Amino acid sequence: MLHTAIETRAKSPQAFRTISEVAAELDVPQHVLRFWEGRFTQVKPVKRAGGRRYYRPEDVALLRGIQTLLYEEGMTIKGVQKVLRERGGRYVVAVGRGQAAPHGRAAERAADFEALTIARVIPAARTPAVGRKARGAGAKVTPACDGLLSDGRLSEEHRARLEIRLIELQDLKSRLQEARASAA
């Protein structure tokens, strides 16, 4: 019964949170939080004896912003790292709270798509002879991400995701053109 009483008592908003509490609050597995900690140097939970992590409220807010950019905005890890470098942690926190719109999202997705297409999507069999010669006639194309098959083609799931992003970009482009036309 004591255990139930402790669970129902709410923590202060300024209280530190354990990794399990943060994982439950953000609805992500604990290993994802550890992974993000390694990828985003701005996330710095306090570590106590035995490596136990305690997250400050600002850590949780930053993680929520990172989660929003990754999961809801569809950005890549590198894209979020770039946003953190260029716009800072406060901006990412504001995005997580819904107080700021992620500017440049369409450009980020377009750049990701272009880089992916140029680097890996074009299978070796379709590349010009010059490209095959440079790599060697029997060179194997290795995937750059989980969405690519061993021959360099996109999986159906990732192809569908990219098609959705392309439609979004085309929609944004037409909105921009309409806005420019009405402003002129």
Protein backbone atom coordinates (compact mmCIF):
# COMPACT_ATOMS: atom_id res chain seq x y z
CA MET A 1 0.00 0.00 0.00
CA LEU A 2 2.90 2.36 0.68
CA HIS A 3 4.13 1.71 -2.88
CA THR A 4 0.80 2.90 -4.32
CA ALA A 5 0.84 6.06 -2.22
CA ILE A 6 4.30 6.95 -3.51
CA GLU A 7 3.28 6.35 -7.13
CA THR A 8 0.23 8.59 -6.91
CA ARG A 9 2.15 11.48 -5.35
CA ALA A 10 3.27 13.83 -8.12
CA LYS A 11 6.82 15.10 -8.28
CA SER A 12 7.58 18.77 -8.30
CA PRO A 13 8.10 20.19 -11.80
CA GLN A 14 11.66 21.04 -10.76
CA ALA A 15 12.47 17.54 -9.47
CA PHE A 16 15.01 15.38 -11.23
CA ARG A 17 13.64 12.40 -13.16
CA THR A 18 15.07 8.91 -13.58
CA ILE A 19 15.57 7.46 -17.02
CA SER A 20 12.51 5.24 -16.56
CA GLU A 21 10.36 8.27 -15.67
CA VAL A 22 11.59 10.22 -18.68
CA ALA A 23 11.12 7.22 -20.97
CA ALA A 24 7.54 6.85 -19.75
CA GLU A 25 6.84 10.58 -20.07
CA LEU A 26 8.16 10.75 -23.66
CA ASP A 27 6.88 7.27 -24.55
CA VAL A 28 10.24 6.08 -25.86
CA PRO A 29 12.39 3.14 -24.72
CA GLN A 30 15.24 3.85 -22.32
CA HIS A 31 17.83 2.74 -24.86
CA VAL A 32 16.63 5.52 -27.19
CA LEU A 33 17.34 8.09 -24.48
CA ARG A 34 20.83 6.65 -24.02
CA PHE A 35 21.36 6.74 -27.79
CA TRP A 36 20.23 10.37 -27.99
CA GLU A 37 22.58 11.22 -25.14
CA GLY A 38 25.45 9.92 -27.27
CA ARG A 39 24.31 11.77 -30.40
CA PHE A 40 23.33 15.11 -28.87
CA THR A 41 26.03 16.52 -26.61
CA GLN A 42 23.57 19.07 -25.25
CA VAL A 43 21.74 16.29 -23.38
CA LYS A 44 23.68 15.91 -20.15
CA PRO A 45 21.86 14.03 -17.40
CA VAL A 46 23.50 13.99 -13.98
CA LYS A 47 25.13 10.61 -13.34
CA ARG A 48 25.36 9.25 -9.83
CA ALA A 49 27.25 6.25 -8.45
CA GLY A 50 26.75 3.20 -10.59
CA GLY A 51 26.00 5.31 -13.68
CA ARG A 52 22.39 5.99 -12.71
CA ARG A 53 21.04 8.91 -14.73
CA TYR A 54 18.97 11.78 -13.37
CA TYR A 55 17.42 14.21 -15.82
CA ARG A 56 16.83 17.87 -14.95
CA PRO A 57 13.63 19.53 -16.20
CA GLU A 58 15.64 21.33 -18.91
CA ASP A 59 17.05 17.96 -20.08
CA VAL A 60 13.51 16.57 -20.39
CA ALA A 61 12.38 19.68 -22.29
CA LEU A 62 15.32 19.37 -24.69
CA LEU A 63 14.61 15.66 -25.21
CA ARG A 64 10.98 16.48 -25.96
CA GLY A 65 12.13 18.97 -28.62
CA ILE A 66 14.52 16.43 -30.12
CA GLN A 67 11.72 13.88 -30.16
CA THR A 68 9.41 16.35 -31.93
CA LEU A 69 11.98 17.11 -34.61
CA LEU A 70 12.81 13.45 -35.17
CA TYR A 71 9.41 11.80 -34.90
CA GLU A 72 6.90 14.47 -35.85
CA GLU A 73 8.92 16.60 -38.25
CA GLY A 74 10.76 13.66 -39.81
CA MET A 75 14.22 15.16 -39.48
CA THR A 76 17.36 13.06 -39.39
CA ILE A 77 19.81 12.87 -36.48
CA LYS A 78 22.23 15.00 -38.49
CA GLY A 79 19.47 17.47 -39.25
CA VAL A 80 18.62 17.89 -35.57
CA GLN A 81 22.32 18.22 -34.72
CA LYS A 82 22.51 21.00 -37.29
CA VAL A 83 19.45 22.73 -35.80
CA LEU A 84 21.02 22.51 -32.34
CA ARG A 85 24.28 23.98 -33.66
CA GLU A 86 22.66 26.77 -35.63
CA ARG A 87 19.57 27.62 -33.58
CA GLY A 88 20.53 26.36 -30.11
CA GLY A 89 18.91 24.31 -27.40
CA ARG A 90 16.36 26.97 -26.46
CA TYR A 91 14.91 26.84 -29.95
CA VAL A 92 14.63 23.03 -29.84
CA VAL A 93 12.94 23.27 -26.42
CA ALA A 94 10.48 25.80 -27.88
CA VAL A 95 9.73 23.44 -30.78
CA GLY A 96 9.01 20.66 -28.28
CA ARG A 97 6.61 22.92 -26.41
CA GLY A 98 4.87 23.95 -29.63
CA GLN A 99 6.07 27.53 -29.23
CA ALA A 100 8.21 27.59 -32.38
CA ALA A 101 7.74 26.17 -35.84
CA PRO A 102 10.72 24.27 -37.18
CA HIS A 103 11.88 26.66 -39.92
CA GLY A 104 13.81 25.15 -42.78
CA ARG A 105 12.16 21.75 -42.38
CA ALA A 106 11.38 21.47 -46.09
CA ALA A 107 14.93 22.42 -47.05
CA GLU A 108 16.31 19.87 -44.57
CA ARG A 109 14.18 17.11 -46.04
CA ALA A 110 15.02 18.11 -49.61
CA ALA A 111 18.75 18.10 -48.80
CA ASP A 112 18.44 14.68 -47.14
CA PHE A 113 16.57 13.31 -50.15
CA GLU A 114 19.07 14.73 -52.63
CA ALA A 115 22.06 13.42 -50.69
CA LEU A 116 20.49 9.99 -50.33
CA THR A 117 19.61 9.87 -54.02
CA ILE A 118 23.03 10.92 -55.22
CA ALA A 119 24.99 8.77 -52.80
CA ARG A 120 23.11 5.50 -52.70
CA VAL A 121 19.78 5.16 -54.44
CA ILE A 122 21.12 4.83 -57.96
CA PRO A 123 22.14 1.16 -58.23
CA ALA A 124 25.58 0.31 -59.62
CA ALA A 125 23.99 -1.32 -62.66
CA ARG A 126 22.40 2.00 -63.67
CA THR A 127 25.43 4.19 -63.10
CA PRO A 128 27.43 5.35 -66.11
CA ALA A 129 30.33 3.15 -67.18
CA VAL A 130 32.75 5.78 -65.89
CA GLY A 131 31.31 5.40 -62.39
CA ARG A 132 31.55 1.60 -62.54
CA LYS A 133 35.14 1.82 -63.72
CA ALA A 134 36.07 4.17 -60.93
CA ARG A 135 34.62 1.79 -58.34
CA GLY A 136 35.73 -1.37 -60.09
CA ALA A 137 33.57 -3.55 -62.32
CA GLY A 138 32.28 -5.81 -59.55
CA ALA A 139 32.07 -3.23 -56.78
CA LYS A 140 29.30 -3.92 -54.31
CA VAL A 141 26.98 -1.08 -53.38
CA THR A 142 26.56 -1.01 -49.61
CA PRO A 143 23.57 0.69 -48.04
CA ALA A 144 23.98 4.00 -46.24
CA CYS A 145 20.88 3.47 -44.11
CA ASP A 146 18.40 0.82 -43.06
CA GLY A 147 15.99 1.86 -45.81
CA LEU A 148 18.24 0.70 -48.60
CA LEU A 149 18.43 -2.80 -49.95
CA SER A 150 21.77 -4.47 -50.64
CA ASP A 151 21.62 -3.50 -54.33
CA GLY A 152 21.15 0.18 -53.48
CA ARG A 153 17.41 0.41 -54.08
CA LEU A 154 15.06 1.90 -51.50
CA SER A 155 12.76 -0.40 -49.57
CA GLU A 156 9.07 0.08 -50.34
CA GLU A 157 8.45 1.64 -46.91
CA HIS A 158 11.18 4.24 -47.37
CA ARG A 159 10.15 4.91 -50.95
CA ALA A 160 6.62 5.65 -49.70
CA ARG A 161 7.99 7.95 -47.00
CA LEU A 162 10.08 9.84 -49.53
CA GLU A 163 7.11 10.16 -51.88
CA ILE A 164 5.08 11.67 -49.04
CA ARG A 165 7.90 14.11 -48.31
CA LEU A 166 8.09 15.02 -52.00
CA ILE A 167 4.37 15.75 -52.06
CA GLU A 168 4.79 17.91 -48.95
CA LEU A 169 7.64 19.80 -50.59
CA GLN A 170 5.64 20.34 -53.77
CA ASP A 171 2.75 21.65 -51.65
CA LEU A 172 5.09 24.02 -49.81
CA LYS A 173 6.54 25.20 -53.11
CA SER A 174 3.11 25.99 -54.52
CA ARG A 175 2.14 27.84 -51.32
CA LEU A 176 5.32 29.87 -51.54
CA GLN A 177 4.63 30.72 -55.16
CA GLU A 178 1.07 31.78 -54.28
CA ALA A 179 2.34 33.93 -51.43
CA ARG A 180 4.89 35.60 -53.69
CA ALA A 181 2.26 36.19 -56.37
CA SER A 182 -0.19 37.77 -53.93
CA ALA A 183 2.56 39.96 -52.44
CA ALA A 184 3.55 41.31 -55.86
